[in-house]
Structure formats: structure tokens, C-alpha cells
Protein backbone atom coordinates (compact mmCIF):
# COMPACT_ATOMS: atom_id res chain seq x y z
CA MET A 1 115.06 90.16 109.99
CA ILE A 2 116.30 88.13 106.51
CA VAL A 3 113.96 86.06 107.24
CA LEU A 4 111.09 88.28 107.22
CA PHE A 5 112.11 89.56 103.95
CA TRP A 6 112.43 86.41 102.15
CA VAL A 7 109.23 85.10 103.54
CA GLY A 8 107.96 88.84 101.55
CA VAL A 9 109.56 88.46 98.54
CA VAL A 10 108.34 84.77 97.66
CA TRP A 11 104.41 85.54 99.01
CA ILE A 12 104.35 88.52 97.02
CA ALA A 13 106.33 86.36 93.92
CA TYR A 14 103.99 83.50 94.09
CA VAL A 15 100.73 85.28 94.45
CA TYR A 16 100.98 87.33 91.23
CA ALA A 17 103.65 85.25 89.40
CA GLY A 18 104.35 81.33 91.22
CA TYR A 19 100.71 80.58 90.79
CA PRO A 20 99.67 81.89 87.24
CA LEU A 21 102.81 80.55 85.88
CA ILE A 22 101.91 77.13 87.17
CA LEU A 23 98.35 76.82 85.70
CA TRP A 24 100.18 77.60 82.61
CA LEU A 25 102.06 74.70 82.77
CA LEU A 26 99.01 72.04 83.80
CA GLY A 27 97.33 73.81 81.05
CA LEU A 28 99.98 72.17 78.71
CA VAL A 29 99.79 68.65 80.04
CA ARG A 30 95.90 68.44 81.55
CA LYS A 31 94.39 70.94 79.18
CA VAL A 32 90.81 69.86 78.45
CA GLU A 33 88.58 70.12 75.28
CA PRO A 34 85.12 69.89 75.90
CA GLU A 35 82.98 69.36 72.71
CA ILE A 36 81.07 73.03 71.92
CA ARG A 37 78.22 72.50 69.46
CA THR A 38 76.98 75.72 68.42
CA ASP A 39 73.44 74.29 67.24
CA HIS A 40 73.03 73.38 71.31
CA ARG A 41 69.89 75.47 72.71
CA PRO A 42 69.21 74.39 75.94
CA SER A 43 66.59 75.95 77.42
CA VAL A 44 67.60 78.87 79.92
CA SER A 45 65.76 80.33 82.97
CA VAL A 46 67.76 83.45 83.92
CA LEU A 47 67.47 84.57 87.70
CA ILE A 48 67.05 88.21 88.86
CA ALA A 49 67.57 89.03 92.31
CA ALA A 50 66.40 92.55 92.89
CA TRP A 51 66.20 95.21 95.93
CA ASN A 52 65.19 98.69 95.41
CA GLU A 53 66.13 98.31 91.63
CA GLU A 54 63.51 100.71 90.44
CA ARG A 55 66.38 102.83 88.21
CA ASP A 56 67.20 99.69 86.41
CA ILE A 57 64.84 96.88 86.38
CA ALA A 58 62.67 98.28 83.56
CA TRP A 59 65.68 97.90 81.30
CA LYS A 60 67.23 94.82 82.44
CA LEU A 61 63.99 92.67 81.70
CA ALA A 62 63.51 94.26 78.82
CA GLU A 63 67.08 93.52 77.35
CA THR A 64 66.87 90.17 78.89
CA LEU A 65 63.57 89.29 77.88
CA GLY A 66 64.86 90.62 73.84
CA TRP A 67 67.82 88.64 73.51
CA ASP A 68 69.06 86.85 70.70
CA TYR A 69 68.09 83.25 72.19
CA SER A 70 65.23 81.36 71.15
CA ALA A 71 62.02 82.48 73.07
CA ASP A 72 60.42 79.37 73.87
CA ARG A 73 63.70 78.48 75.34
CA LEU A 74 63.65 81.63 77.66
CA GLU A 75 62.33 82.36 80.63
CA VAL A 76 63.06 84.96 83.26
CA LEU A 77 62.83 85.24 87.19
CA VAL A 78 62.78 87.85 89.22
CA ALA A 79 62.65 87.78 93.23
CA SER A 80 61.95 91.66 94.75
CA ASP A 81 63.59 90.82 98.36
CA GLY A 82 62.25 92.95 100.39
CA SER A 83 62.48 96.20 97.84
CA GLU A 84 60.93 99.21 99.84
CA ASP A 85 60.52 101.55 95.96
CA ARG A 86 58.73 100.93 92.88
CA THR A 87 60.23 97.42 91.94
CA ASP A 88 57.56 95.91 92.53
CA GLU A 89 55.27 97.78 90.44
CA ILE A 90 57.52 98.10 87.57
CA VAL A 91 58.02 94.34 87.24
CA ARG A 92 55.05 93.92 88.07
CA SER A 93 53.64 95.73 85.21
CA MET A 94 55.55 93.99 82.14
CA THR A 95 52.96 91.35 80.67
CA ASP A 96 55.44 89.14 78.71
CA ALA A 97 53.99 85.25 79.86
CA ARG A 98 58.32 84.10 80.12
CA LEU A 99 58.32 86.74 83.42
CA THR A 100 58.05 85.00 86.62
CA PHE A 101 57.54 87.40 89.55
CA VAL A 102 57.89 86.47 93.34
CA ARG A 103 57.80 88.94 96.34
CA MET A 104 59.80 87.77 98.76
CA GLU A 105 58.65 89.43 102.69
CA PRO A 106 59.96 89.39 105.01
CA ARG A 107 63.85 90.52 103.60
CA GLY A 108 66.69 87.78 103.07
CA GLY A 109 68.91 88.02 101.34
CA LYS A 110 70.18 87.36 98.00
CA SER A 111 70.42 84.01 98.45
CA ALA A 112 67.50 83.36 99.76
CA ALA A 113 66.02 85.12 96.52
CA LEU A 114 67.84 82.76 94.20
CA ASN A 115 67.18 79.93 96.64
CA ARG A 116 63.48 80.41 95.54
CA LEU A 117 63.74 81.46 92.33
CA ALA A 118 65.55 78.16 91.44
CA GLN A 119 62.36 76.74 92.55
CA LEU A 120 60.39 77.65 90.42
CA ALA A 121 62.74 77.46 87.15
CA ARG A 122 62.36 75.02 84.52
CA GLY A 123 65.36 75.64 82.29
CA GLU A 124 67.85 73.16 81.90
CA ILE A 125 70.12 76.16 82.80
CA LEU A 126 70.10 78.42 85.51
CA PHE A 127 71.69 81.89 84.50
CA PHE A 128 72.84 84.17 86.85
CA THR A 129 72.37 87.45 86.58
CA ASP A 130 72.48 91.58 88.19
CA ALA A 131 69.22 94.21 87.98
CA ASN A 132 72.36 96.64 87.15
CA SER A 133 74.58 94.54 84.39
CA HIS A 134 73.96 95.30 80.65
CA ILE A 135 74.60 92.21 78.89
CA GLU A 136 74.67 91.88 75.11
CA SER A 137 72.35 90.57 73.06
CA GLY A 138 74.03 87.12 71.95
CA ALA A 139 75.41 86.52 75.41
CA LEU A 140 73.60 83.53 75.85
CA ARG A 141 73.93 82.03 72.20
CA ARG A 142 78.25 81.75 73.32
CA ILE A 143 77.25 80.11 76.20
CA ALA A 144 74.67 77.19 75.76
CA PRO A 145 77.70 75.73 72.89
CA HIS A 146 79.24 74.91 75.99
CA PHE A 147 76.74 72.93 77.86
CA ALA A 148 76.96 70.46 74.26
CA ASP A 149 79.06 68.94 76.39
CA PRO A 150 78.44 67.04 79.74
CA ARG A 151 81.09 67.57 81.04
CA VAL A 152 80.63 71.00 81.48
CA GLY A 153 79.13 71.91 84.58
CA CYS A 154 79.38 75.71 84.78
CA VAL A 155 80.42 78.58 82.77
CA THR A 156 81.80 82.58 83.00
CA GLY A 157 82.19 85.52 81.13
CA GLU A 158 83.96 88.46 81.90
CA MET A 159 83.45 91.78 83.85
CA HIS A 160 84.00 94.97 82.15
CA TYR A 161 83.13 98.47 83.62
CA ARG A 162 81.63 101.13 81.98
CA ASP A 163 83.47 103.88 80.72
CA GLU A 164 83.02 107.47 82.93
CA GLN A 165 83.76 110.37 81.65
CA GLU A 166 85.81 111.08 84.48
CA GLU A 167 87.97 108.00 85.69
CA SER A 168 88.39 108.23 89.39
CA ALA A 169 90.75 106.26 90.83
CA VAL A 170 89.36 103.16 92.10
CA SER A 171 88.12 102.81 88.89
CA GLU A 172 91.51 102.75 86.81
CA GLY A 173 92.89 100.44 89.56
CA THR A 174 89.10 98.59 89.52
CA ARG A 175 89.95 97.80 85.53
CA VAL A 176 93.88 96.80 85.75
CA TYR A 177 92.75 94.40 88.58
CA TRP A 178 90.02 92.94 86.25
CA GLY A 179 92.50 92.91 83.54
CA TYR A 180 94.66 90.39 85.58
CA GLU A 181 91.48 88.25 86.69
CA ALA A 182 91.03 88.00 83.19
CA LEU A 183 94.17 86.02 82.30
CA ILE A 184 94.06 83.76 85.80
CA LYS A 185 90.48 83.05 84.42
CA GLN A 186 91.49 81.55 80.94
CA MET A 187 94.05 79.91 82.88
CA GLU A 188 92.16 77.88 84.93
CA SER A 189 89.64 77.05 82.10
CA ARG A 190 91.99 75.60 80.34
CA ILE A 191 92.07 73.06 83.39
CA GLY A 192 88.48 73.26 83.39
CA SER A 193 88.47 74.55 86.61
CA VAL A 194 87.16 77.93 87.20
CA LEU A 195 87.70 78.91 91.08
CA VAL A 196 85.45 81.84 91.32
CA CYS A 197 82.31 83.06 88.74
CA VAL A 198 81.53 86.97 88.07
CA GLY A 199 78.20 87.26 90.44
CA SER A 200 76.63 88.48 87.07
CA VAL A 201 77.11 86.73 83.90
CA PHE A 202 77.45 82.73 85.09
CA ALA A 203 75.43 79.45 84.17
CA ILE A 204 75.11 76.42 85.62
CA ARG A 205 73.54 73.11 84.87
CA THR A 206 69.90 73.33 87.00
CA ALA A 207 70.59 69.45 87.89
CA LEU A 208 73.54 70.80 89.72
CA PHE A 209 72.52 73.18 91.76
CA GLU A 210 72.25 72.67 96.00
CA PRO A 211 70.16 75.71 98.08
CA LEU A 212 72.87 78.43 98.65
CA HIS A 213 73.69 79.32 102.45
CA PRO A 214 72.92 83.05 102.88
CA GLU A 215 75.38 84.36 103.95
CA VAL A 216 77.83 83.04 101.60
CA ALA A 217 77.99 84.33 97.73
CA ASN A 218 76.71 82.26 94.98
CA ASP A 219 79.22 83.64 92.49
CA LEU A 220 82.17 81.68 94.75
CA GLU A 221 79.98 78.37 96.14
CA LEU A 222 77.72 77.36 93.08
CA PRO A 223 81.98 77.10 91.27
CA LEU A 224 83.02 75.33 94.76
CA ARG A 225 80.15 72.63 95.05
CA ILE A 226 80.61 72.11 91.16
CA GLY A 227 83.75 71.46 91.29
CA ARG A 228 83.55 68.93 93.98
CA THR A 229 81.64 66.93 91.06
CA GLY A 230 84.08 66.46 88.51
CA ARG A 231 82.11 68.52 86.27
CA TRP A 232 84.39 71.28 84.01
CA LEU A 233 83.79 74.95 85.48
CA ARG A 234 85.04 76.97 81.77
CA TYR A 235 85.30 80.76 81.25
CA GLU A 236 83.97 82.79 77.90
CA PRO A 237 85.71 85.79 77.70
CA THR A 238 83.51 87.03 74.53
CA VAL A 239 80.20 86.64 77.27
CA ARG A 240 80.37 89.84 79.03
CA SER A 241 78.65 91.90 81.75
CA VAL A 242 78.72 95.78 82.04
CA GLU A 243 78.68 97.55 85.22
CA ARG A 244 79.37 101.13 87.01
CA PRO A 245 83.26 100.68 88.57
CA ALA A 246 82.85 102.28 91.83
CA GLN A 247 83.62 105.84 92.61
CA THR A 248 84.76 105.98 95.79
CA GLY A 249 87.83 104.78 97.82
CA ARG A 250 84.71 103.78 100.68
CA GLU A 251 82.83 102.08 98.25
CA GLU A 252 85.54 100.21 96.82
CA PHE A 253 86.80 99.42 100.50
CA SER A 254 83.87 97.92 101.73
CA ARG A 255 82.73 95.88 98.96
CA GLN A 256 86.32 94.53 98.23
CA ARG A 257 85.81 93.70 102.84
CA ARG A 258 82.28 92.13 101.86
CA ILE A 259 83.94 90.15 99.52
CA VAL A 260 86.60 88.53 100.85
CA ALA A 261 84.55 88.55 104.29
CA GLN A 262 82.51 86.40 102.34
CA GLY A 263 84.80 84.10 100.62
CA ALA A 264 86.53 83.46 104.16
CA LEU A 265 83.45 82.60 105.88
CA ALA A 266 82.88 80.29 102.60
CA LEU A 267 86.54 78.64 102.27
CA TRP A 268 85.50 77.37 105.76
CA ARG A 269 82.27 76.29 105.57
CA LEU A 270 82.62 74.33 102.47
CA ARG A 271 86.11 72.95 103.34
CA ALA A 272 84.56 69.70 102.91
CA GLN A 273 83.78 71.20 99.13
CA LEU A 274 87.31 71.57 98.20
CA THR A 275 89.41 68.65 96.29
CA PRO A 276 93.05 69.18 96.51
CA LEU A 277 93.17 70.55 93.47
CA ARG A 278 90.29 73.40 94.36
CA ALA A 279 92.60 73.46 97.96
CA TRP A 280 95.54 74.89 96.29
CA GLN A 281 93.88 76.94 93.96
CA PHE A 282 91.17 78.36 96.91
CA ILE A 283 94.80 78.99 98.93
CA SER A 284 96.53 80.32 95.93
CA ARG A 285 94.43 83.01 94.13
CA LYS A 286 92.39 83.85 97.50
CA VAL A 287 93.78 83.41 100.67
CA LEU A 288 97.08 84.70 99.87
CA ARG A 289 95.74 87.39 98.23
CA TRP A 290 93.53 88.42 100.71
CA LEU A 291 96.91 89.05 102.85
CA THR A 292 98.66 90.76 100.66
CA ALA A 293 98.96 94.03 103.19
CA VAL A 294 101.14 91.34 105.74
CA PRO A 295 103.54 90.38 102.73
CA LEU A 296 103.96 94.33 101.87
CA VAL A 297 104.35 95.24 105.56
CA LEU A 298 107.22 92.30 106.00
CA LEU A 299 109.52 93.63 102.85
CA LEU A 300 108.53 97.22 104.04
CA VAL A 301 110.25 96.79 108.01
CA SER A 302 113.10 94.37 107.32
CA THR A 303 114.22 95.91 103.91
CA ALA A 304 114.19 99.37 106.75
CA ALA A 305 115.42 97.42 109.49
CA LEU A 306 118.42 95.98 106.91
CA ALA A 307 118.78 99.39 105.37
CA SER A 308 122.52 99.45 106.42
CA ARG A 309 123.49 96.54 104.33
CA TRP A 310 123.62 96.10 100.40
CA PRO A 311 121.70 95.92 98.49
CA PHE A 312 118.74 96.59 101.35
CA GLY A 313 118.65 100.23 101.37
CA LEU A 314 118.47 100.47 97.28
CA LEU A 315 115.92 98.45 97.16
CA LEU A 316 114.51 100.05 100.19
CA VAL A 317 113.72 103.44 97.59
CA PRO A 318 111.16 101.49 95.59
CA GLN A 319 109.16 100.45 98.33
CA ILE A 320 108.50 103.97 99.89
CA ALA A 321 108.48 105.04 96.32
CA PHE A 322 105.34 102.58 96.49
CA TRP A 323 104.10 103.73 99.53
CA ALA A 324 104.28 107.25 98.93
CA LEU A 325 102.68 107.07 95.44
CA ALA A 326 100.27 105.27 97.24
CA LEU A 327 99.12 107.82 99.93
CA VAL A 328 98.97 110.83 96.78
CA GLY A 329 96.31 108.32 95.24
CA TYR A 330 94.58 108.61 98.56
CA ILE A 331 94.89 112.30 99.12
CA LEU A 332 93.62 113.02 95.84
CA ALA A 333 90.99 111.09 95.35
CA ARG A 334 89.71 112.38 98.80
CA ALA A 335 89.89 115.85 97.66
CA GLY A 336 87.75 114.21 94.72
CA LEU A 337 90.62 114.52 91.77
CA ARG A 338 91.73 112.55 89.07
CA PRO A 339 95.12 111.16 90.02
CA GLY A 340 96.34 109.31 87.04
CA ARG A 341 97.27 105.71 86.66
CA LEU A 342 101.12 106.25 88.09
CA PHE A 343 98.96 107.43 91.44
CA SER A 344 95.98 105.46 91.59
CA LEU A 345 97.85 101.72 90.66
CA PRO A 346 99.79 101.68 94.08
CA PHE A 347 96.58 103.49 95.66
CA TYR A 348 94.39 100.58 94.43
CA VAL A 349 96.75 98.03 95.61
CA VAL A 350 97.05 99.15 98.85
CA LEU A 351 93.43 99.90 99.17
CA VAL A 352 92.52 96.54 98.45
CA ALA A 353 95.22 94.59 99.90
CA LEU A 354 93.88 96.55 103.58
CA ALA A 355 90.33 95.32 102.69
CA GLY A 356 91.18 91.92 102.29
CA ASP A 357 92.72 91.64 105.48
CA MET A 358 89.81 93.93 107.46
CA GLY A 359 87.53 90.77 105.44
CA VAL A 360 89.68 88.10 106.95
CA VAL A 361 89.41 89.55 110.84
CA ASP A 362 85.68 90.39 109.90
CA ALA A 363 85.15 86.74 108.76
CA CYS A 364 87.26 85.28 111.85
CA ALA A 365 85.04 87.77 114.16
CA GLY A 366 81.81 86.42 113.14
CA ARG A 367 80.69 89.54 111.32
CA ARG A 368 77.97 88.07 108.49
CA PHE A 369 76.72 89.98 104.98
CA ARG A 370 73.83 88.45 104.51
CA VAL A 371 71.43 91.25 102.78
CA TRP A 372 73.58 93.64 99.88
CA GLU A 373 73.23 97.94 99.64
CA THR A 374 72.24 99.04 96.15
CA ALA A 375 75.06 101.01 95.13
CA ALA A 376 74.04 104.76 93.96
CA LEU A 377 74.97 106.15 90.36
């Protein structure tokens, strides 16, 4: 039992503290410093895959076409992936010459839609975003300068969540999670090796695009492929995508489960694309974190079995408190009540940990996620 206890301790300590510490140390000896020119203005193709986005597509296109960027250097391409609502009608009603619309039939999934748009794109840079994400006007003017350096292959921004009038247990936990993720991206960016991108706000050189696998998330697949080329992958924290956070545990659990299942599949399908550095990053930041429920349970079980010995009885107390707070957070969330950070954070940690384990099981069992659903507001 002592061995299980220390496995749990080392596992959790390494994932949440050891990996960031090693990244920080690597940044001292391997810091990359790309040439950033504020006057660099490459042509940009914005790619949007849409499915039943009648609620958001009009403002999204108006917002994107109105970005503070040279009009003759910007085009926007939209693929409606078998939409069954008014998405097609709304896009076709817009007359801007910079807008290209494609109807995909039958529905083939996000990756198939993006593959089609990439074939039509004429820009030097491909910018990926989602139909329901707000991106402020100056985003491209802050991303484009990174590409002045030919060693830079990809730049991603930051995810922010819209303030809700009533915070839910999930939304509070999500904000803390993304704050931690931002710190990790900053340290990865220092060594030119951001592992994954924010799917609603990232850009790559068009020349580096390769057809996407239909069952793997593009914000994971493209960075892995680009990393193999030796190009730098950078993070620009001032460029933000603002979205609505999940409001229910069920919604967030399903989202996290799908993300992990796609990530585990990507690890297997793209294993040949991983350099030693990227493989270490993937295992440290993704695989070991996906399976966080394992060390949490190992710690609880081993500490309980050793409770009669000092100091294990003492160490059992905070663990019981953690699981109790998570349970109360779950009960309050199910009741539609706002639990507060004391309960919401343990609840969110357990939710994500369990979703991660289920996602790995899904991938191993052959469950695939080719198409996506739009979350309701």
C-alpha cells in the first residue's frame, strides 16, 4: 500500500507541478526568440465550419469581416456541414466579395468541412475559428507579426469565457482550469513548442496544412504535425476567443470526454509525428492528466488502508474533505444552485478526472466523434 501511496503522490505532483517546473527550466536554456515585425501583413484566410449556427453566424461573419486588418488581405470561408436550420440562407444573404460559402452534403464532420475550405483558401495564413466565438477586432494585427519569422509555423490565442449573471459550478471550475492552461502555454511558448491550440483562435502557415483526419480534433492534429517539421509553435495571450462556458455538469462531462477520446486517438494515429520533446509533452500534459482519477483513487485507498500508521491517518482527513466537498458541489449543481468556489472546484476536478478516464476508455473501445453538436444557450 505504501508503494501505491507514493505512486499517487508522485503522479499528481509531477502532472501539476513537475511538468510546469521542467518547462520553466527548459525555458532558461532553450528560449526561442522569433523576429516579430508589427508591419508584417500576410494574406489571411479565415476558416469556419458551421452546423446549425443560425443563432450566431450572422454576427460572427459581420464581426470577422470587420476586423481591423487590410481588407484586401482578408478572406472568410464558411462551410455549412449539412445544416438543417437557416444557416445557409443567412450566409448566402451576405454580399461581401471576401466571403466564400460551401454547402457540405451529406454531413461529414468538422474536419471534412475544414479540408474543403483549405482547398479553396488563397491566403498565406489559415486562421481557424468557431461560429459561436467572439474575437476582438485587432486579433490578426497581433497574430500576423509572429509569422514574419519563417521559423514560426503556428500561433494560438487564449480562451476566455463570457461572464454569466449566475455562475455555475462548472463555469467557475472552467475558468480556473483555463487560467492554469494559460500558464502552461506561456511556458511552452518560451521553448517554441505549444502542444495544443485553442480551437477557436489559432493560425498556421497555409503551406504547412495537411488534410485532417475525420476523427481527430484539428486543434490537436495540426500542432502535432507542425511540431514535427521543426517550426515553432507560439502563444499570443493578448488574442482572445470569448465563448459561453458549459452550464451543467452533464454538458461539461460530455465535452471533456469527447476531447480526451479524440486526443487519445490522435496520440495513436499520429505517434509517428511526435518528436522526443513533443512525446514527453504529450504524455506529461495530456495522458497522465487524462488519467488523474487513477492516482486520486490510489491515494484515497492506500491512505485509508494505512490510516492506523502515522502520518497516514492525518493525511486521510483532507482527502475525505476533498471528496465530500466534491459530492456537495455535485448535489448543489444537480439542484441548479450556485455552490461557490469551495464546492465547485473539487466538483470540477473530479468531473474532469472521471471524464478523462471515460474518454480513454472510449478511444480504446473504438468510439469515434466525427461530427459535433452545438451547445444551446
